[in-house]
Amino acid sequence: MTLSSLRDHCILLAALLASSACTYRAASQKLTIAAAADLRFALDDLARQFHAAHPQIEISPAYGSSGNFYAQIRNGAPFDLFLSADLDYPRRLVSENLAVADSLFTYGIGRIVLWVPVQSPLDPAALQMRTLEAPSVRHIAIANPQHAPYGRAAEAALRSLGVYDRVAGKLVLGENIAQTLEFVQSGAAEAGIVALSLALAPPVRGQGKYWEIPPSAYPRIGQGGVILARARGSRAAAAFREFLLAPAGRRILKQYGFYPDK
């Protein structure tokens, strides 16, 4: 091979490699998800299994309170998919033409539990709501009811079960339900009302004891999602929505305490 032909061969090879890299980058897709904080562990699990089946799609989740995400999306936050702990927020986005109308879906019904650290001498399964009236419980963590659906559910349960007036002075508010759990884990609060999905998560399961608050004590926590307008026509968003509603996705959601909509 002459020097000239070798040079031409190298140039052709470089062009082919560059073309392959460009094709790969074009095929790769990033899916940004604004997700309610109670999904922190469940969505991580869902994303891993989804990515195994769709390796070209990179999922980038952000976790927080549904109310805050709703406000951010209205102000132009660049998310493709919104998974809310309150179905009302996605519905509002549809009515405001900020989400794809026929993409609205319910992925599960959330539940709340009264949670204490495993080393606590209190037994919430036996004491139930009386746990919160124990002298050793000086701080009770709940999510902020102003913008966190789980906070509204916690406050409603405290009121309907007749303890709110006696424990209101002990309440400390988390920005979202994940931070609420962190308050109890860190010792900033002796007890908290958190999402069942967080209590069931493998990293948390052995750290605490809990009592599941009867669903009749608080408004139904219908959780749903929607594809946002900026992702209209996005195959990645549509594929992940389909995965959540398929048997494999629903099975994972149920493992984390998100019960099917009936």
C-alpha atoms as a PDB file:
ATOM      1  CA  MET A   1       0.000   0.000   0.000  1.00  0.00           C
ATOM      2  CA  THR A   2       1.391   3.373  -1.003  1.00  0.00           C
ATOM      3  CA  LEU A   3       1.652   6.270   1.414  1.00  0.00           C
ATOM      4  CA  SER A   4      -1.071   8.073  -0.517  1.00  0.00           C
ATOM      5  CA  SER A   5      -3.489   5.150  -0.415  1.00  0.00           C
ATOM      6  CA  LEU A   6      -2.756   4.583   3.290  1.00  0.00           C
ATOM      7  CA  ARG A   7      -3.594   8.223   3.967  1.00  0.00           C
ATOM      8  CA  ASP A   8      -6.836   7.889   1.998  1.00  0.00           C
ATOM      9  CA  HIS A   9      -7.687   4.718   3.901  1.00  0.00           C
ATOM     10  CA  CYS A  10      -7.168   6.447   7.261  1.00  0.00           C
ATOM     11  CA  ILE A  11      -9.303   9.395   6.200  1.00  0.00           C
ATOM     12  CA  LEU A  12     -12.110   7.037   5.127  1.00  0.00           C
ATOM     13  CA  LEU A  13     -11.883   5.088   8.405  1.00  0.00           C
ATOM     14  CA  ALA A  14     -12.033   8.304  10.449  1.00  0.00           C
ATOM     15  CA  ALA A  15     -15.067   9.447   8.475  1.00  0.00           C
ATOM     16  CA  LEU A  16     -16.819   6.139   9.085  1.00  0.00           C
ATOM     17  CA  LEU A  17     -16.105   6.281  12.815  1.00  0.00           C
ATOM     18  CA  ALA A  18     -17.354   9.858  13.015  1.00  0.00           C
ATOM     19  CA  SER A  19     -20.493   8.901  11.114  1.00  0.00           C
ATOM     20  CA  SER A  20     -21.122   5.967  13.480  1.00  0.00           C
ATOM     21  CA  ALA A  21     -20.692   8.205  16.522  1.00  0.00           C
ATOM     22  CA  CYS A  22     -23.113  10.769  15.087  1.00  0.00           C
ATOM     23  CA  THR A  23     -25.650   8.023  14.333  1.00  0.00           C
ATOM     24  CA  TYR A  24     -25.357   6.740  17.924  1.00  0.00           C
ATOM     25  CA  ARG A  25     -25.795  10.195  19.354  1.00  0.00           C
ATOM     26  CA  ALA A  26     -28.817  10.793  17.137  1.00  0.00           C
ATOM     27  CA  ALA A  27     -30.345   7.486  18.232  1.00  0.00           C
ATOM     28  CA  SER A  28     -29.760   8.186  21.936  1.00  0.00           C
ATOM     29  CA  GLN A  29     -32.565   9.997  23.736  1.00  0.00           C
ATOM     30  CA  LYS A  30     -32.742  11.687  27.114  1.00  0.00           C
ATOM     31  CA  LEU A  31     -35.995  11.612  29.071  1.00  0.00           C
ATOM     32  CA  THR A  32     -36.301  14.172  31.866  1.00  0.00           C
ATOM     33  CA  ILE A  33     -38.881  13.323  34.520  1.00  0.00           C
ATOM     34  CA  ALA A  34     -40.285  15.534  37.283  1.00  0.00           C
ATOM     35  CA  ALA A  35     -41.326  12.983  39.899  1.00  0.00           C
ATOM     36  CA  ALA A  36     -43.086  13.201  43.246  1.00  0.00           C
ATOM     37  CA  ALA A  37     -40.649  12.545  46.103  1.00  0.00           C
ATOM     38  CA  ASP A  38     -42.500   9.391  47.202  1.00  0.00           C
ATOM     39  CA  LEU A  39     -41.320   7.789  43.934  1.00  0.00           C
ATOM     40  CA  ARG A  40     -37.630   8.200  44.778  1.00  0.00           C
ATOM     41  CA  PHE A  41     -36.857   4.496  45.198  1.00  0.00           C
ATOM     42  CA  ALA A  42     -39.629   3.030  43.035  1.00  0.00           C
ATOM     43  CA  LEU A  43     -38.710   5.162  40.027  1.00  0.00           C
ATOM     44  CA  ASP A  44     -35.026   4.317  40.361  1.00  0.00           C
ATOM     45  CA  ASP A  45     -36.001   0.642  40.145  1.00  0.00           C
ATOM     46  CA  LEU A  46     -38.407   1.279  37.258  1.00  0.00           C
ATOM     47  CA  ALA A  47     -35.780   3.285  35.363  1.00  0.00           C
ATOM     48  CA  ARG A  48     -33.190   0.503  35.679  1.00  0.00           C
ATOM     49  CA  GLN A  49     -35.533  -2.100  34.249  1.00  0.00           C
ATOM     50  CA  PHE A  50     -36.794   0.221  31.521  1.00  0.00           C
ATOM     51  CA  HIS A  51     -33.244   1.134  30.480  1.00  0.00           C
ATOM     52  CA  ALA A  52     -32.347  -2.548  30.212  1.00  0.00           C
ATOM     53  CA  ALA A  53     -35.064  -2.902  27.572  1.00  0.00           C
ATOM     54  CA  HIS A  54     -34.428   0.508  25.972  1.00  0.00           C
ATOM     55  CA  PRO A  55     -30.667   1.154  26.292  1.00  0.00           C
ATOM     56  CA  GLN A  56     -30.872   4.103  23.884  1.00  0.00           C
ATOM     57  CA  ILE A  57     -33.062   6.058  26.324  1.00  0.00           C
ATOM     58  CA  GLU A  58     -31.341   7.792  29.241  1.00  0.00           C
ATOM     59  CA  ILE A  59     -33.699   8.674  32.089  1.00  0.00           C
ATOM     60  CA  SER A  60     -32.920  11.759  34.157  1.00  0.00           C
ATOM     61  CA  PRO A  61     -35.309  12.067  37.137  1.00  0.00           C
ATOM     62  CA  ALA A  62     -35.714  14.985  39.533  1.00  0.00           C
ATOM     63  CA  TYR A  63     -37.581  14.482  42.813  1.00  0.00           C
ATOM     64  CA  GLY A  64     -39.597  17.017  44.775  1.00  0.00           C
ATOM     65  CA  SER A  65     -43.076  18.101  45.823  1.00  0.00           C
ATOM     66  CA  SER A  66     -45.771  17.864  43.180  1.00  0.00           C
ATOM     67  CA  GLY A  67     -47.017  21.383  43.864  1.00  0.00           C
ATOM     68  CA  ASN A  68     -43.569  22.874  43.363  1.00  0.00           C
ATOM     69  CA  PHE A  69     -43.080  20.948  40.120  1.00  0.00           C
ATOM     70  CA  TYR A  70     -46.455  22.146  38.868  1.00  0.00           C
ATOM     71  CA  ALA A  71     -45.373  25.747  39.449  1.00  0.00           C
ATOM     72  CA  GLN A  72     -41.990  25.130  37.792  1.00  0.00           C
ATOM     73  CA  ILE A  73     -43.578  23.541  34.714  1.00  0.00           C
ATOM     74  CA  ARG A  74     -45.933  26.488  34.353  1.00  0.00           C
ATOM     75  CA  ASN A  75     -42.850  28.706  34.385  1.00  0.00           C
ATOM     76  CA  GLY A  76     -41.162  26.735  31.600  1.00  0.00           C
ATOM     77  CA  ALA A  77     -39.116  24.081  33.440  1.00  0.00           C
ATOM     78  CA  PRO A  78     -37.673  21.707  30.805  1.00  0.00           C
ATOM     79  CA  PHE A  79     -39.269  18.388  31.783  1.00  0.00           C
ATOM     80  CA  ASP A  80     -40.670  15.784  29.388  1.00  0.00           C
ATOM     81  CA  LEU A  81     -42.816  13.778  31.790  1.00  0.00           C
ATOM     82  CA  PHE A  82     -44.517  14.704  35.072  1.00  0.00           C
ATOM     83  CA  LEU A  83     -45.318  12.016  37.668  1.00  0.00           C
ATOM     84  CA  SER A  84     -47.389  13.645  40.387  1.00  0.00           C
ATOM     85  CA  ALA A  85     -48.583  12.514  43.812  1.00  0.00           C
ATOM     86  CA  ASP A  86     -51.836  14.358  43.098  1.00  0.00           C
ATOM     87  CA  LEU A  87     -53.668  13.707  39.830  1.00  0.00           C
ATOM     88  CA  ASP A  88     -55.126  17.216  39.976  1.00  0.00           C
ATOM     89  CA  TYR A  89     -51.814  18.833  38.974  1.00  0.00           C
ATOM     90  CA  PRO A  90     -51.459  16.917  35.664  1.00  0.00           C
ATOM     91  CA  ARG A  91     -55.127  17.627  34.940  1.00  0.00           C
ATOM     92  CA  ARG A  92     -54.510  21.334  35.399  1.00  0.00           C
ATOM     93  CA  LEU A  93     -51.551  21.215  33.011  1.00  0.00           C
ATOM     94  CA  VAL A  94     -53.758  19.579  30.377  1.00  0.00           C
ATOM     95  CA  SER A  95     -56.406  22.283  30.810  1.00  0.00           C
ATOM     96  CA  GLU A  96     -53.671  24.935  30.455  1.00  0.00           C
ATOM     97  CA  ASN A  97     -52.387  23.318  27.228  1.00  0.00           C
ATOM     98  CA  LEU A  98     -49.046  22.571  28.890  1.00  0.00           C
ATOM     99  CA  ALA A  99     -49.469  18.799  28.597  1.00  0.00           C
ATOM    100  CA  VAL A 100     -50.687  16.277  26.025  1.00  0.00           C
ATOM    101  CA  ALA A 101     -54.374  15.661  26.782  1.00  0.00           C
ATOM    102  CA  ASP A 102     -54.605  11.997  25.775  1.00  0.00           C
ATOM    103  CA  SER A 103     -51.432  11.106  27.710  1.00  0.00           C
ATOM    104  CA  LEU A 104     -52.998  11.633  31.168  1.00  0.00           C
ATOM    105  CA  PHE A 105     -52.880   8.449  33.261  1.00  0.00           C
ATOM    106  CA  THR A 106     -53.116   7.115  36.823  1.00  0.00           C
ATOM    107  CA  TYR A 107     -50.200   4.961  37.956  1.00  0.00           C
ATOM    108  CA  GLY A 108     -51.346   4.090  41.467  1.00  0.00           C
ATOM    109  CA  ILE A 109     -53.014   4.968  44.757  1.00  0.00           C
ATOM    110  CA  GLY A 110     -50.650   6.126  47.497  1.00  0.00           C
ATOM    111  CA  ARG A 111     -50.905   5.370  51.211  1.00  0.00           C
ATOM    112  CA  ILE A 112     -49.412   6.854  54.361  1.00  0.00           C
ATOM    113  CA  VAL A 113     -47.858   5.343  57.472  1.00  0.00           C
ATOM    114  CA  LEU A 114     -46.804   6.515  60.905  1.00  0.00           C
ATOM    115  CA  TRP A 115     -43.060   5.788  61.007  1.00  0.00           C
ATOM    116  CA  VAL A 116     -40.515   5.743  63.851  1.00  0.00           C
ATOM    117  CA  PRO A 117     -36.838   4.662  63.855  1.00  0.00           C
ATOM    118  CA  VAL A 118     -36.221   0.999  64.642  1.00  0.00           C
ATOM    119  CA  GLN A 119     -34.419   1.913  67.891  1.00  0.00           C
ATOM    120  CA  SER A 120     -37.445   3.827  69.207  1.00  0.00           C
ATOM    121  CA  PRO A 121     -39.063   2.235  72.295  1.00  0.00           C
ATOM    122  CA  LEU A 122     -42.471   3.117  70.843  1.00  0.00           C
ATOM    123  CA  ASP A 123     -44.501   0.509  68.975  1.00  0.00           C
ATOM    124  CA  PRO A 124     -46.672   2.255  66.376  1.00  0.00           C
ATOM    125  CA  ALA A 125     -48.382  -0.989  65.395  1.00  0.00           C
ATOM    126  CA  ALA A 126     -49.760  -1.268  68.941  1.00  0.00           C
ATOM    127  CA  LEU A 127     -50.175   2.405  69.864  1.00  0.00           C
ATOM    128  CA  GLN A 128     -51.331   3.607  66.449  1.00  0.00           C
ATOM    129  CA  MET A 129     -52.030   7.371  66.558  1.00  0.00           C
ATOM    130  CA  ARG A 130     -51.438   7.418  70.320  1.00  0.00           C
ATOM    131  CA  THR A 131     -47.756   7.077  69.404  1.00  0.00           C
ATOM    132  CA  LEU A 132     -47.720  10.780  68.597  1.00  0.00           C
ATOM    133  CA  GLU A 133     -48.972  11.738  72.071  1.00  0.00           C
ATOM    134  CA  ALA A 134     -46.130   9.999  73.898  1.00  0.00           C
ATOM    135  CA  PRO A 135     -44.022  12.447  75.990  1.00  0.00           C
ATOM    136  CA  SER A 136     -40.877  11.247  74.221  1.00  0.00           C
ATOM    137  CA  VAL A 137     -42.255  12.453  70.887  1.00  0.00           C
ATOM    138  CA  ARG A 138     -41.408  16.143  70.800  1.00  0.00           C
ATOM    139  CA  HIS A 139     -41.361  16.595  67.027  1.00  0.00           C
ATOM    140  CA  ILE A 140     -43.586  15.012  64.374  1.00  0.00           C
ATOM    141  CA  ALA A 141     -42.543  15.345  60.745  1.00  0.00           C
ATOM    142  CA  ILE A 142     -45.096  15.694  57.964  1.00  0.00           C
ATOM    143  CA  ALA A 143     -44.739  17.102  54.459  1.00  0.00           C
ATOM    144  CA  ASN A 144     -45.859  20.687  53.974  1.00  0.00           C
ATOM    145  CA  PRO A 145     -49.613  20.533  53.235  1.00  0.00           C
ATOM    146  CA  GLN A 146     -49.367  23.747  51.192  1.00  0.00           C
ATOM    147  CA  HIS A 147     -47.773  21.997  48.218  1.00  0.00           C
ATOM    148  CA  ALA A 148     -47.226  18.315  49.090  1.00  0.00           C
ATOM    149  CA  PRO A 149     -50.186  15.929  48.607  1.00  0.00           C
ATOM    150  CA  TYR A 150     -48.831  13.584  51.282  1.00  0.00           C
ATOM    151  CA  GLY A 151     -48.735  16.501  53.693  1.00  0.00           C
ATOM    152  CA  ARG A 152     -52.406  17.198  53.048  1.00  0.00           C
ATOM    153  CA  ALA A 153     -53.177  13.525  53.608  1.00  0.00           C
ATOM    154  CA  ALA A 154     -51.203  13.518  56.885  1.00  0.00           C
ATOM    155  CA  GLU A 155     -52.995  16.591  58.206  1.00  0.00           C
ATOM    156  CA  ALA A 156     -56.369  15.143  57.222  1.00  0.00           C
ATOM    157  CA  ALA A 157     -55.559  11.879  59.032  1.00  0.00           C
ATOM    158  CA  LEU A 158     -54.485  13.711  62.188  1.00  0.00           C
ATOM    159  CA  ARG A 159     -57.761  15.627  62.169  1.00  0.00           C
ATOM    160  CA  SER A 160     -60.068  12.732  61.330  1.00  0.00           C
ATOM    161  CA  LEU A 161     -58.473  10.490  63.956  1.00  0.00           C
ATOM    162  CA  GLY A 162     -58.898  13.187  66.594  1.00  0.00           C
ATOM    163  CA  VAL A 163     -55.313  14.001  67.566  1.00  0.00           C
ATOM    164  CA  TYR A 164     -54.524  17.114  65.549  1.00  0.00           C
ATOM    165  CA  ASP A 165     -55.272  19.684  68.255  1.00  0.00           C
ATOM    166  CA  ARG A 166     -53.159  17.794  70.799  1.00  0.00           C
ATOM    167  CA  VAL A 167     -50.104  17.379  68.569  1.00  0.00           C
ATOM    168  CA  ALA A 168     -50.216  20.444  66.289  1.00  0.00           C
ATOM    169  CA  GLY A 169     -47.486  22.163  68.324  1.00  0.00           C
ATOM    170  CA  LYS A 170     -45.100  19.281  67.634  1.00  0.00           C
ATOM    171  CA  LEU A 171     -45.374  19.385  63.825  1.00  0.00           C
ATOM    172  CA  VAL A 172     -42.302  20.114  61.684  1.00  0.00           C
ATOM    173  CA  LEU A 173     -42.806  20.441  57.944  1.00  0.00           C
ATOM    174  CA  GLY A 174     -40.668  18.838  55.269  1.00  0.00           C
ATOM    175  CA  GLU A 175     -40.384  20.429  51.837  1.00  0.00           C
ATOM    176  CA  ASN A 176     -41.514  17.085  50.402  1.00  0.00           C
ATOM    177  CA  ILE A 177     -42.218  13.578  51.647  1.00  0.00           C
ATOM    178  CA  ALA A 178     -38.609  12.402  51.149  1.00  0.00           C
ATOM    179  CA  GLN A 179     -37.284  15.235  53.320  1.00  0.00           C
ATOM    180  CA  THR A 180     -39.987  14.396  55.874  1.00  0.00           C
ATOM    181  CA  LEU A 181     -38.572  10.882  56.201  1.00  0.00           C
ATOM    182  CA  GLU A 182     -35.060  12.313  56.461  1.00  0.00           C
ATOM    183  CA  PHE A 183     -36.143  14.412  59.466  1.00  0.00           C
ATOM    184  CA  VAL A 184     -37.066  11.231  61.360  1.00  0.00           C
ATOM    185  CA  GLN A 185     -34.046   9.273  60.147  1.00  0.00           C
ATOM    186  CA  SER A 186     -31.700  12.042  61.313  1.00  0.00           C
ATOM    187  CA  GLY A 187     -33.331  12.436  64.735  1.00  0.00           C
ATOM    188  CA  ALA A 188     -34.704  15.912  64.003  1.00  0.00           C
ATOM    189  CA  ALA A 189     -38.130  14.364  64.672  1.00  0.00           C
ATOM    190  CA  GLU A 190     -39.023  11.335  66.778  1.00  0.00           C
ATOM    191  CA  ALA A 191     -41.890  10.250  64.498  1.00  0.00           C
ATOM    192  CA  GLY A 192     -43.300  11.114  61.115  1.00  0.00           C
ATOM    193  CA  ILE A 193     -46.133  10.446  58.722  1.00  0.00           C
ATOM    194  CA  VAL A 194     -44.566   9.326  55.452  1.00  0.00           C
ATOM    195  CA  ALA A 195     -45.428   7.520  52.239  1.00  0.00           C
ATOM    196  CA  LEU A 196     -45.791   3.747  52.429  1.00  0.00           C
ATOM    197  CA  SER A 197     -43.624   3.568  49.298  1.00  0.00           C
ATOM    198  CA  LEU A 198     -40.675   5.033  51.223  1.00  0.00           C
ATOM    199  CA  ALA A 199     -41.193   2.771  54.245  1.00  0.00           C
ATOM    200  CA  LEU A 200     -41.149  -0.275  51.942  1.00  0.00           C
ATOM    201  CA  ALA A 201     -38.037   0.760  49.994  1.00  0.00           C
ATOM    202  CA  PRO A 202     -35.107  -1.645  50.558  1.00  0.00           C
ATOM    203  CA  PRO A 203     -32.725   1.075  51.870  1.00  0.00           C
ATOM    204  CA  VAL A 204     -35.334   2.155  54.457  1.00  0.00           C
ATOM    205  CA  ARG A 205     -37.177  -1.042  55.319  1.00  0.00           C
ATOM    206  CA  GLY A 206     -34.854  -2.145  58.110  1.00  0.00           C
ATOM    207  CA  GLN A 207     -34.437   1.316  59.605  1.00  0.00           C
ATOM    208  CA  GLY A 208     -37.883   1.775  61.069  1.00  0.00           C
ATOM    209  CA  LYS A 209     -41.212   0.509  62.361  1.00  0.00           C
ATOM    210  CA  TYR A 210     -44.539   1.706  61.058  1.00  0.00           C
ATOM    211  CA  TRP A 211     -48.302   1.535  61.304  1.00  0.00           C
ATOM    212  CA  GLU A 212     -50.321   1.926  58.124  1.00  0.00           C
ATOM    213  CA  ILE A 213     -52.920   4.634  58.647  1.00  0.00           C
ATOM    214  CA  PRO A 214     -56.370   3.469  57.465  1.00  0.00           C
ATOM    215  CA  PRO A 215     -57.123   4.883  53.985  1.00  0.00           C
ATOM    216  CA  SER A 216     -60.549   5.922  55.267  1.00  0.00           C
ATOM    217  CA  ALA A 217     -58.833   8.523  57.502  1.00  0.00           C
ATOM    218  CA  TYR A 218     -57.645  10.741  54.632  1.00  0.00           C
ATOM    219  CA  PRO A 219     -58.619  11.668  51.057  1.00  0.00           C
ATOM    220  CA  ARG A 220     -57.703   9.165  48.381  1.00  0.00           C
ATOM    221  CA  ILE A 221     -54.186   9.825  47.039  1.00  0.00           C
ATOM    222  CA  GLY A 222     -54.682   9.237  43.332  1.00  0.00           C
ATOM    223  CA  GLN A 223     -51.288   9.560  41.683  1.00  0.00           C
ATOM    224  CA  GLY A 224     -50.917  10.210  37.988  1.00  0.00           C
ATOM    225  CA  GLY A 225     -48.744  11.452  35.206  1.00  0.00           C
ATOM    226  CA  VAL A 226     -48.783  13.252  31.894  1.00  0.00           C
ATOM    227  CA  ILE A 227     -46.487  13.859  28.932  1.00  0.00           C
ATOM    228  CA  LEU A 228     -45.650  17.544  28.822  1.00  0.00           C
ATOM    229  CA  ALA A 229     -46.163  19.722  25.757  1.00  0.00           C
ATOM    230  CA  ARG A 230     -42.435  20.113  25.055  1.00  0.00           C
ATOM    231  CA  ALA A 231     -42.219  16.318  24.616  1.00  0.00           C
ATOM    232  CA  ARG A 232     -45.243  16.036  22.316  1.00  0.00           C
ATOM    233  CA  GLY A 233     -44.491  13.209  19.901  1.00  0.00           C
ATOM    234  CA  SER A 234     -41.533  11.989  21.974  1.00  0.00           C
ATOM    235  CA  ARG A 235     -41.086   8.256  21.548  1.00  0.00           C
ATOM    236  CA  ALA A 236     -39.089   8.070  24.788  1.00  0.00           C
ATOM    237  CA  ALA A 237     -41.872   9.673  26.864  1.00  0.00           C
ATOM    238  CA  ALA A 238     -44.538   7.500  25.239  1.00  0.00           C
ATOM    239  CA  ALA A 239     -42.463   4.354  25.759  1.00  0.00           C
ATOM    240  CA  PHE A 240     -41.893   5.038  29.456  1.00  0.00           C
ATOM    241  CA  ARG A 241     -45.592   5.835  29.990  1.00  0.00           C
ATOM    242  CA  GLU A 242     -46.463   2.525  28.306  1.00  0.00           C
ATOM    243  CA  PHE A 243     -43.952   0.688  30.513  1.00  0.00           C
ATOM    244  CA  LEU A 244     -45.468   2.155  33.710  1.00  0.00           C
ATOM    245  CA  LEU A 245     -48.926   0.942  32.696  1.00  0.00           C
ATOM    246  CA  ALA A 246     -47.767  -2.501  31.532  1.00  0.00           C
ATOM    247  CA  PRO A 247     -47.763  -5.521  33.895  1.00  0.00           C
ATOM    248  CA  ALA A 248     -44.011  -5.257  34.563  1.00  0.00           C
ATOM    249  CA  GLY A 249     -44.250  -1.617  35.583  1.00  0.00           C
ATOM    250  CA  ARG A 250     -47.364  -2.120  37.677  1.00  0.00           C
ATOM    251  CA  ARG A 251     -45.726  -5.048  39.455  1.00  0.00           C
ATOM    252  CA  ILE A 252     -42.820  -2.848  40.551  1.00  0.00           C
ATOM    253  CA  LEU A 253     -45.155  -0.039  41.614  1.00  0.00           C
ATOM    254  CA  LYS A 254     -47.197  -2.465  43.721  1.00  0.00           C
ATOM    255  CA  GLN A 255     -44.022  -3.727  45.431  1.00  0.00           C
ATOM    256  CA  TYR A 256     -43.544  -0.164  46.650  1.00  0.00           C
ATOM    257  CA  GLY A 257     -47.095   0.212  47.932  1.00  0.00           C
ATOM    258  CA  PHE A 258     -48.698   1.936  44.967  1.00  0.00           C
ATOM    259  CA  TYR A 259     -51.963   0.077  44.681  1.00  0.00           C
ATOM    260  CA  PRO A 260     -53.857  -0.204  41.379  1.00  0.00           C
ATOM    261  CA  ASP A 261     -56.648   2.258  40.692  1.00  0.00           C
ATOM    262  CA  LYS A 262     -60.021   0.580  41.187  1.00  0.00           C
END
